[in-house]
Amino acid sequence: MKRARSIIGRPLLTEKNNDLREKENKYVFEVDCDANKLEIGRAIEEIFHVHVVSVRTIRMKGKVKRLGRFEGKRPDWKKAIVTLASGDVIDLYAGV
């Protein structure tokens, strides 16, 4: 089994994600591409000590970028939208 810290990459902090967090108690994380919903849910519960109600995942395609005549591609990645039980909160700014 994978370690919890290797599954969860980083929280994604955008205006849209802040609205989800405030209104619906949903948090968005960048996660390992090979992780499934059960592993993601268990990792969130282990790291933050909260109760996860549901997990939704989205596979994001990497963008094609150019620098002059050279073309490259950013890597594909996966994000997860985690819904917590009412009353549970993750403090994303704790270490700042």
Protein backbone atom coordinates (compact mmCIF):
# COMPACT_ATOMS: atom_id res chain seq x y z
CA MET A 1 0.00 0.00 0.00
CA LYS A 2 1.19 3.52 -0.77
CA ARG A 3 2.02 6.02 1.93
CA ALA A 4 -0.56 8.77 2.51
CA ARG A 5 1.91 11.60 1.87
CA SER A 6 2.87 10.15 -1.52
CA ILE A 7 -0.78 10.01 -2.63
CA ILE A 8 -1.74 13.58 -1.72
CA GLY A 9 0.34 16.16 -3.59
CA ARG A 10 -0.83 19.63 -2.65
CA PRO A 11 -4.07 21.56 -2.13
CA LEU A 12 -5.26 23.59 -5.11
CA LEU A 13 -6.13 27.10 -3.92
CA THR A 14 -8.19 29.04 -6.43
CA GLU A 15 -11.25 31.30 -6.18
CA LYS A 16 -13.53 28.54 -7.45
CA ASN A 17 -12.09 26.05 -4.97
CA ASN A 18 -12.48 28.55 -2.12
CA ASP A 19 -16.19 28.89 -2.99
CA LEU A 20 -16.53 25.08 -2.91
CA ARG A 21 -14.80 24.98 0.46
CA GLU A 22 -16.96 27.70 2.01
CA LYS A 23 -20.36 26.69 0.60
CA GLU A 24 -20.20 22.89 0.26
CA ASN A 25 -17.30 21.81 2.54
CA LYS A 26 -15.36 20.39 -0.44
CA TYR A 27 -11.58 20.53 -0.77
CA VAL A 28 -9.53 20.10 -3.97
CA PHE A 29 -6.12 18.38 -4.02
CA GLU A 30 -3.58 17.39 -6.64
CA VAL A 31 -3.10 13.64 -6.21
CA ASP A 32 -1.01 10.78 -7.59
CA CYS A 33 -2.22 9.65 -11.03
CA ASP A 34 -2.25 5.99 -10.00
CA ALA A 35 -4.28 6.49 -6.79
CA ASN A 36 -7.92 5.42 -6.69
CA LYS A 37 -10.79 7.00 -4.75
CA LEU A 38 -10.52 4.68 -1.76
CA GLU A 39 -6.79 5.35 -1.35
CA ILE A 40 -7.34 9.11 -1.66
CA GLY A 41 -10.10 9.08 0.96
CA ARG A 42 -8.04 7.02 3.42
CA ALA A 43 -5.00 9.28 2.89
CA ILE A 44 -7.03 12.45 3.60
CA GLU A 45 -8.49 10.87 6.75
CA GLU A 46 -5.04 9.78 7.94
CA ILE A 47 -3.27 13.08 7.28
CA PHE A 48 -5.94 15.57 8.44
CA HIS A 49 -7.94 13.43 10.93
CA VAL A 50 -11.34 14.19 9.35
CA HIS A 51 -14.20 12.03 8.03
CA VAL A 52 -14.45 11.85 4.22
CA VAL A 53 -17.95 11.46 2.78
CA SER A 54 -17.08 11.21 -0.93
CA VAL A 55 -14.22 11.61 -3.41
CA ARG A 56 -14.52 12.69 -7.04
CA THR A 57 -11.51 12.52 -9.36
CA ILE A 58 -10.63 14.25 -12.62
CA ARG A 59 -7.74 13.41 -14.94
CA MET A 60 -6.24 16.61 -16.35
CA LYS A 61 -4.32 16.59 -19.63
CA GLY A 62 -1.02 18.43 -19.70
CA LYS A 63 -0.81 21.50 -21.91
CA VAL A 64 1.36 21.73 -25.01
CA LYS A 65 3.84 24.59 -24.65
CA ARG A 66 6.20 26.19 -27.15
CA LEU A 67 9.43 28.08 -26.74
CA GLY A 68 10.36 29.43 -30.15
CA ARG A 69 10.49 26.54 -32.57
CA PHE A 70 10.71 23.93 -29.82
CA GLU A 71 7.57 22.27 -28.56
CA GLY A 72 7.07 20.38 -25.33
CA LYS A 73 4.28 19.04 -23.18
CA ARG A 74 3.56 19.45 -19.49
CA PRO A 75 2.79 16.20 -17.69
CA ASP A 76 -0.74 14.87 -17.19
CA TRP A 77 -2.03 15.08 -13.63
CA LYS A 78 -5.00 14.14 -11.49
CA LYS A 79 -7.08 16.18 -9.07
CA ALA A 80 -9.54 15.04 -6.44
CA ILE A 81 -12.53 16.87 -4.97
CA VAL A 82 -13.02 15.60 -1.42
CA THR A 83 -16.30 16.17 0.44
CA LEU A 84 -15.99 16.18 4.23
CA ALA A 85 -18.64 15.46 6.83
CA SER A 86 -20.41 18.51 8.24
CA GLY A 87 -18.42 20.01 11.08
CA ASP A 88 -15.05 18.77 9.79
CA VAL A 89 -12.57 21.40 8.58
CA ILE A 90 -9.08 21.25 7.07
CA ASP A 91 -6.90 24.24 7.93
CA LEU A 92 -4.90 24.73 4.73
CA TYR A 93 -3.01 27.76 6.08
CA ALA A 94 -1.78 26.12 9.31
CA GLY A 95 1.92 26.08 8.41
CA VAL A 96 2.03 29.54 6.84
